[in-house]
Amino acid sequence: MKTSVLVGLSGGLDSTFAALSLIEKGYAVEGAVLKFSDHTDVKSAERSASELGIPLHVIDCSGDFEKYVKEYFTNEYLSGRTPNPCVVCNRYVKVKKLHDSAKELGFDKFATGHYCGVEYENGRYFIRRAADLKKDQSYMLWGLSQEQLADFLTPLNGIEKTYIREYMAERGFTSASAKESQDICFIPDGDYARYITEKRGESDKGSFIDENGKILGEHRGIIHYTIGQKKHLGIALGEKMTVSEIDASKNTVTLIKSADYSPACGIIFSGVNFQCLTSLDTLKSEELTVKVRYSAVPRITTVKVENGIMTASFERAFPEPAPGQSAVFYIGDKLVFGAFIDKVIR
């Protein structure tokens, strides 16, 4: 009997190729489009399913998406943090709902069009970084559970995007000409401040201050700023300035001279989810690297736990970290664990 697989099918190039690849390998494949809102492009998924010749399940995720992603996203910005909506969506909505639906519908496995691998070693399932590191999406998948990983197939691992586009174009798939989306799916114009304002109203204005607490001027509301921001600050001080801290409780945004802005030498993190290891105690002396943003280059790091506080120190300073973002730790290409950044150490 063929292994049955439920494939998350958005109608885009990657998910359509994932389904086709599994069909060609002899799996019994059906598609599932996850409907996050009334704006979800169900028609593109229906078109891909038709071209593939497979059934398509429409799965309503709108309630969970509103609760776990949209509300989280809004609350993080209102708290002065920079959210990771795709990480949270995969953990609580996208991958979770696809996995749960696969189980409920009687499928053996589920699959997506993510660029990464899933492997099993020493009793643990874990994500491995994609062979094409430019497309690697492991950073977004650190929150997945062992139960989810055990049933997770990633057909795109080891395949380059250029090959996929050419392969699908040769076979006449409409998705071969589809453009890639780099935006937050529920804020296609990228104007997250407008989105939050429409949901919660105008953010209260407050004070720009320097590192000594001196008031420099008035800011538009903390949702308009993120750590490390240098442009579109809305204040002219005669020299380039950088956002170094956001304090939601005091409604202040701290600015320092860009020339004095120190890259991060470490972070404090929490909310750890382990993949290829089970605890920090089993790390021993292995060399860890860490990514603190999706596009960041991994850096060598040392992790310590003192009085319940987890800290990562960087061998070379990072300019990019911000509270609320994810820190994802690797040994080689193996995803060891991920967590959320609570504080940046400079």
Protein backbone atom coordinates (compact mmCIF):
# COMPACT_ATOMS: atom_id res chain seq x y z
CA MET A 1 0.00 0.00 0.00
CA LYS A 2 1.25 3.47 -0.89
CA THR A 3 2.23 5.88 1.88
CA SER A 4 -0.39 8.63 1.95
CA VAL A 5 0.69 12.26 2.28
CA LEU A 6 -1.30 15.46 2.84
CA VAL A 7 0.60 18.34 1.22
CA GLY A 8 0.11 21.95 2.22
CA LEU A 9 -0.79 23.49 -1.14
CA SER A 10 -0.84 27.26 -1.48
CA GLY A 11 -0.80 27.23 -5.27
CA GLY A 12 2.70 28.67 -5.35
CA LEU A 13 5.71 27.13 -7.06
CA ASP A 14 7.33 25.46 -4.05
CA SER A 15 4.26 23.71 -2.65
CA THR A 16 3.12 22.58 -6.12
CA PHE A 17 6.55 21.09 -6.84
CA ALA A 18 6.54 19.40 -3.41
CA ALA A 19 3.28 17.66 -4.27
CA LEU A 20 4.45 16.69 -7.78
CA SER A 21 7.74 15.35 -6.44
CA LEU A 22 5.92 13.07 -3.99
CA ILE A 23 3.49 11.89 -6.68
CA GLU A 24 6.40 11.01 -8.96
CA LYS A 25 8.03 9.08 -6.11
CA GLY A 26 4.93 6.90 -5.74
CA TYR A 27 3.18 8.45 -2.74
CA ALA A 28 -0.61 8.76 -2.56
CA VAL A 29 -0.93 12.55 -2.44
CA GLU A 30 -3.75 14.94 -1.66
CA GLY A 31 -3.55 18.69 -1.13
CA ALA A 32 -4.72 20.97 1.65
CA VAL A 33 -5.05 24.74 1.43
CA LEU A 34 -5.06 26.45 4.80
CA LYS A 35 -7.56 29.30 4.82
CA PHE A 36 -6.15 31.94 7.16
CA SER A 37 -8.68 34.64 6.21
CA ASP A 38 -11.16 35.66 3.52
CA HIS A 39 -8.14 36.96 1.57
CA THR A 40 -6.46 33.53 1.30
CA ASP A 41 -5.90 32.68 -2.37
CA VAL A 42 -7.86 29.43 -2.43
CA LYS A 43 -8.29 29.64 -6.23
CA SER A 44 -4.55 29.31 -6.85
CA ALA A 45 -4.46 26.19 -4.69
CA GLU A 46 -7.48 24.80 -6.55
CA ARG A 47 -5.74 25.46 -9.87
CA SER A 48 -2.57 23.68 -8.73
CA ALA A 49 -4.55 20.71 -7.41
CA SER A 50 -6.39 20.49 -10.73
CA GLU A 51 -3.13 20.58 -12.70
CA LEU A 52 -1.68 17.91 -10.41
CA GLY A 53 -4.82 15.81 -10.65
CA ILE A 54 -5.27 15.47 -6.89
CA PRO A 55 -8.10 16.21 -4.43
CA LEU A 56 -7.89 19.41 -2.39
CA HIS A 57 -9.07 19.90 1.18
CA VAL A 58 -9.92 23.44 2.30
CA ILE A 59 -9.05 23.76 5.99
CA ASP A 60 -10.29 26.80 7.89
CA CYS A 61 -7.55 28.13 10.19
CA SER A 62 -8.89 31.66 10.51
CA GLY A 63 -9.75 31.44 14.21
CA ASP A 64 -6.38 30.06 15.23
CA PHE A 65 -4.57 32.46 12.90
CA GLU A 66 -6.31 35.43 14.48
CA LYS A 67 -5.57 34.18 18.00
CA TYR A 68 -2.02 32.90 17.68
CA VAL A 69 -0.55 35.06 14.93
CA LYS A 70 -2.36 38.35 14.45
CA GLU A 71 -2.93 39.01 18.15
CA TYR A 72 0.59 37.92 19.01
CA PHE A 73 2.03 40.17 16.28
CA THR A 74 0.08 43.19 17.50
CA ASN A 75 0.81 42.59 21.19
CA GLU A 76 4.55 42.20 20.58
CA TYR A 77 4.85 45.55 18.81
CA LEU A 78 2.74 47.23 21.49
CA SER A 79 5.16 45.75 24.05
CA GLY A 80 8.18 47.24 22.29
CA ARG A 81 9.32 43.91 20.86
CA THR A 82 9.89 42.78 17.27
CA PRO A 83 7.75 39.71 16.50
CA ASN A 84 8.49 36.60 14.41
CA PRO A 85 5.02 35.84 12.98
CA CYS A 86 6.15 33.00 10.67
CA VAL A 87 7.82 31.14 13.55
CA VAL A 88 4.69 31.37 15.67
CA CYS A 89 2.42 30.54 12.73
CA ASN A 90 4.35 27.35 11.94
CA ARG A 91 4.32 26.28 15.56
CA TYR A 92 0.68 26.95 16.41
CA VAL A 93 -1.18 27.19 13.10
CA LYS A 94 0.35 26.26 9.75
CA VAL A 95 2.33 23.12 10.49
CA LYS A 96 0.20 22.22 13.50
CA LYS A 97 -3.08 22.43 11.61
CA LEU A 98 -1.66 20.54 8.63
CA HIS A 99 -0.32 17.79 10.90
CA ASP A 100 -3.52 17.58 12.93
CA SER A 101 -5.63 17.46 9.76
CA ALA A 102 -3.43 14.74 8.28
CA LYS A 103 -4.02 12.64 11.39
CA GLU A 104 -7.75 13.30 11.43
CA LEU A 105 -8.10 12.43 7.73
CA GLY A 106 -6.06 9.24 8.04
CA PHE A 107 -2.87 10.23 6.20
CA ASP A 108 0.47 8.63 7.08
CA LYS A 109 2.53 11.81 6.61
CA PHE A 110 2.22 15.49 5.80
CA ALA A 111 4.50 17.69 3.69
CA THR A 112 5.21 21.33 2.87
CA GLY A 113 7.30 23.29 0.40
CA HIS A 114 9.87 24.40 2.99
CA TYR A 115 13.56 24.34 2.08
CA CYS A 116 15.10 22.16 4.78
CA GLY A 117 15.48 18.52 5.77
CA VAL A 118 14.03 16.38 8.56
CA GLU A 119 16.25 13.68 10.05
CA TYR A 120 16.27 11.19 12.92
CA GLU A 121 19.29 10.47 15.09
CA ASN A 122 19.80 9.16 18.64
CA GLY A 123 16.09 8.97 19.28
CA ARG A 124 15.38 12.55 18.19
CA TYR A 125 13.84 14.13 15.10
CA PHE A 126 15.27 17.44 14.00
CA ILE A 127 15.42 19.95 11.18
CA ARG A 128 18.59 20.09 9.10
CA ARG A 129 19.50 23.24 7.19
CA ALA A 130 18.82 23.14 3.46
CA ALA A 131 21.57 22.24 1.01
CA ASP A 132 20.89 25.59 -0.69
CA LEU A 133 21.68 27.87 2.24
CA LYS A 134 20.35 30.93 0.41
CA LYS A 135 16.88 29.37 0.55
CA ASP A 136 17.21 27.64 3.93
CA GLN A 137 14.03 28.00 6.03
CA SER A 138 15.10 26.05 9.12
CA TYR A 139 15.08 29.28 11.15
CA MET A 140 11.29 29.41 10.88
CA LEU A 141 10.79 25.82 12.08
CA TRP A 142 12.57 25.67 15.43
CA GLY A 143 9.30 25.52 17.37
CA LEU A 144 8.09 22.20 15.93
CA SER A 145 7.46 19.28 18.27
CA GLN A 146 8.87 15.77 18.03
CA GLU A 147 5.39 14.48 17.11
CA GLN A 148 5.14 16.91 14.22
CA LEU A 149 8.68 16.26 12.99
CA ALA A 150 8.13 12.48 13.03
CA ASP A 151 5.45 12.81 10.32
CA PHE A 152 6.97 15.73 8.39
CA LEU A 153 8.25 15.37 4.80
CA THR A 154 10.21 18.15 3.06
CA PRO A 155 10.58 17.23 -0.63
CA LEU A 156 12.46 20.42 -1.55
CA ASN A 157 15.52 19.56 0.52
CA GLY A 158 18.63 19.37 -1.64
CA ILE A 159 16.96 20.99 -4.67
CA GLU A 160 17.70 24.48 -5.96
CA LYS A 161 14.94 26.96 -6.79
CA THR A 162 16.18 27.57 -10.33
CA TYR A 163 15.86 23.84 -11.10
CA ILE A 164 12.34 23.74 -9.62
CA ARG A 165 11.14 26.67 -11.73
CA GLU A 166 12.60 25.19 -14.93
CA TYR A 167 11.20 21.73 -14.14
CA MET A 168 7.69 23.05 -13.55
CA ALA A 169 7.78 25.34 -16.58
CA GLU A 170 8.73 22.43 -18.84
CA ARG A 171 5.68 20.55 -17.57
CA GLY A 172 3.33 23.46 -18.08
CA PHE A 173 2.43 24.27 -14.49
CA THR A 174 0.97 27.73 -14.00
CA SER A 175 2.87 28.16 -10.73
CA ALA A 176 6.18 28.19 -12.65
CA SER A 177 5.60 31.88 -13.37
CA ALA A 178 4.36 32.78 -9.88
CA LYS A 179 6.23 35.54 -8.07
CA GLU A 180 7.72 34.98 -4.64
CA SER A 181 6.15 36.85 -1.75
CA GLN A 182 8.51 38.37 0.80
CA ASP A 183 5.84 40.19 2.77
CA ILE A 184 3.96 39.29 5.93
CA CYS A 185 0.99 37.40 4.46
CA PHE A 186 -1.65 39.36 6.37
CA ILE A 187 0.04 42.73 5.73
CA PRO A 188 0.84 42.56 2.00
CA ASP A 189 1.73 46.25 1.76
CA GLY A 190 4.26 45.91 4.60
CA ASP A 191 2.75 48.78 6.59
CA TYR A 192 2.55 47.00 9.93
CA ALA A 193 2.07 50.25 11.89
CA ARG A 194 -1.08 51.03 9.90
CA TYR A 195 -2.32 47.47 10.48
CA ILE A 196 -1.83 47.73 14.25
CA THR A 197 -3.44 51.17 14.34
CA GLU A 198 -6.51 49.85 12.53
CA LYS A 199 -6.78 46.99 15.05
CA ARG A 200 -6.01 48.83 18.29
CA GLY A 201 -6.15 52.54 17.53
CA GLU A 202 -3.37 55.09 17.46
CA SER A 203 -0.29 54.29 19.53
CA ASP A 204 0.32 56.90 22.24
CA LYS A 205 3.02 59.41 21.49
CA GLY A 206 5.96 59.49 23.89
CA SER A 207 9.49 60.71 24.36
CA PHE A 208 12.70 60.08 22.51
CA ILE A 209 15.45 60.00 25.14
CA ASP A 210 19.21 59.57 25.12
CA GLU A 211 21.09 56.89 27.07
CA ASN A 212 21.11 59.18 30.14
CA GLY A 213 17.34 59.70 30.07
CA LYS A 214 17.43 63.22 28.64
CA ILE A 215 14.36 64.00 26.53
CA LEU A 216 15.30 64.63 22.90
CA GLY A 217 11.86 65.05 21.39
CA GLU A 218 8.54 63.33 20.75
CA HIS A 219 8.05 59.99 19.00
CA ARG A 220 4.95 58.87 17.06
CA GLY A 221 4.31 55.73 19.15
CA ILE A 222 6.54 52.75 19.88
CA ILE A 223 4.95 50.58 17.16
CA HIS A 224 6.83 52.67 14.59
CA TYR A 225 10.27 51.64 15.86
CA THR A 226 12.48 48.60 16.31
CA ILE A 227 15.92 48.05 17.85
CA GLY A 228 18.70 49.02 15.46
CA GLN A 229 16.47 51.29 13.34
CA LYS A 230 18.33 54.22 11.79
CA LYS A 231 15.93 55.62 9.19
CA HIS A 232 12.47 57.20 9.30
CA LEU A 233 12.81 58.14 12.96
CA GLY A 234 10.88 61.37 12.56
CA ILE A 235 13.37 63.51 14.48
CA ALA A 236 16.31 65.63 13.31
CA LEU A 237 19.19 65.95 15.77
CA GLY A 238 21.95 67.05 13.43
CA GLU A 239 23.62 63.62 13.30
CA LYS A 240 22.71 60.03 12.52
CA MET A 241 20.92 58.29 15.38
CA THR A 242 19.97 54.66 16.09
CA VAL A 243 17.23 53.13 18.25
CA SER A 244 18.98 51.27 21.08
CA GLU A 245 16.07 50.51 23.42
CA ILE A 246 12.27 50.62 23.54
CA ASP A 247 10.53 50.76 26.92
CA ALA A 248 6.80 50.14 26.58
CA SER A 249 6.14 50.70 30.30
CA LYS A 250 7.56 54.22 30.09
CA ASN A 251 6.60 54.76 26.44
CA THR A 252 10.14 55.86 25.60
CA VAL A 253 12.43 55.20 22.66
CA THR A 254 16.14 55.54 23.41
CA LEU A 255 18.36 56.97 20.68
CA ILE A 256 22.13 56.98 20.60
CA LYS A 257 24.58 58.32 18.05
CA SER A 258 24.93 55.75 15.28
CA ALA A 259 28.71 56.06 15.60
CA ASP A 260 28.40 54.92 19.24
CA TYR A 261 25.90 52.12 18.60
CA SER A 262 27.52 48.91 19.79
CA PRO A 263 26.71 45.63 18.05
CA ALA A 264 25.37 42.90 20.33
CA CYS A 265 27.92 40.72 22.09
CA GLY A 266 25.23 38.42 23.49
CA ILE A 267 21.57 37.81 24.27
CA ILE A 268 19.36 36.56 27.09
CA PHE A 269 16.74 34.15 25.79
CA SER A 270 13.83 31.99 26.95
CA GLY A 271 11.07 29.72 25.66
CA VAL A 272 13.49 27.04 24.47
CA ASN A 273 12.30 24.21 22.22
CA PHE A 274 14.80 21.37 21.73
CA GLN A 275 15.14 19.34 18.56
CA CYS A 276 18.26 17.18 18.07
CA LEU A 277 19.20 17.41 21.77
CA THR A 278 17.03 17.19 24.86
CA SER A 279 18.66 19.74 27.17
CA LEU A 280 21.50 22.23 27.46
CA ASP A 281 23.26 19.78 29.79
CA THR A 282 23.97 17.46 26.84
CA LEU A 283 25.75 20.14 24.79
CA LYS A 284 29.14 19.31 26.33
CA SER A 285 31.86 21.11 24.38
CA GLU A 286 30.28 21.03 20.93
CA GLU A 287 30.65 24.16 18.89
CA LEU A 288 27.35 25.98 18.52
CA THR A 289 26.41 28.60 15.97
CA VAL A 290 23.40 30.87 16.22
CA LYS A 291 21.19 32.88 13.87
CA VAL A 292 19.36 35.84 15.40
CA ARG A 293 17.40 36.80 12.30
CA TYR A 294 16.24 34.84 9.27
CA SER A 295 18.75 36.51 6.95
CA ALA A 296 21.62 36.67 9.46
CA VAL A 297 24.85 34.76 8.97
CA PRO A 298 25.34 32.19 11.78
CA ARG A 299 27.98 33.11 14.36
CA ILE A 300 29.86 30.93 16.83
CA THR A 301 28.32 31.20 20.28
CA THR A 302 28.70 29.97 23.86
CA VAL A 303 25.61 29.24 25.94
CA LYS A 304 25.46 29.48 29.73
CA VAL A 305 22.70 28.97 32.30
CA GLU A 306 23.04 30.75 35.64
CA ASN A 307 20.20 31.04 38.18
CA GLY A 308 17.75 29.96 35.54
CA ILE A 309 18.79 32.69 33.10
CA MET A 310 19.98 31.49 29.68
CA THR A 311 22.62 33.59 27.96
CA ALA A 312 24.39 33.26 24.63
CA SER A 313 27.68 35.08 24.04
CA PHE A 314 28.86 35.69 20.47
CA GLU A 315 32.41 35.16 19.26
CA ARG A 316 31.86 38.11 16.92
CA ALA A 317 29.35 40.86 17.57
CA PHE A 318 25.94 40.84 15.85
CA PRO A 319 24.36 44.13 14.71
CA GLU A 320 20.91 42.62 14.17
CA PRO A 321 19.27 41.12 17.34
CA ALA A 322 16.09 42.57 18.79
CA PRO A 323 13.91 41.38 21.69
CA GLY A 324 11.05 39.27 20.37
CA GLN A 325 13.04 37.82 17.49
CA SER A 326 14.16 34.18 17.44
CA ALA A 327 17.60 32.83 18.23
CA VAL A 328 18.16 29.48 16.50
CA PHE A 329 21.14 27.34 17.49
CA TYR A 330 22.92 24.76 15.33
CA ILE A 331 25.68 22.19 15.50
CA GLY A 332 26.85 22.08 11.92
CA ASP A 333 23.61 21.95 9.93
CA LYS A 334 21.59 20.30 12.71
CA LEU A 335 19.02 22.44 14.49
CA VAL A 336 19.74 21.97 18.20
CA PHE A 337 17.17 24.33 19.71
CA GLY A 338 15.49 27.67 19.27
CA ALA A 339 14.22 30.35 21.63
CA PHE A 340 12.96 33.92 21.80
CA ILE A 341 15.32 36.80 22.51
CA ASP A 342 14.40 38.65 25.71
CA LYS A 343 17.28 41.08 25.99
CA VAL A 344 20.28 42.17 23.96
CA ILE A 345 23.66 42.46 25.69
CA ARG A 346 26.03 45.12 24.35
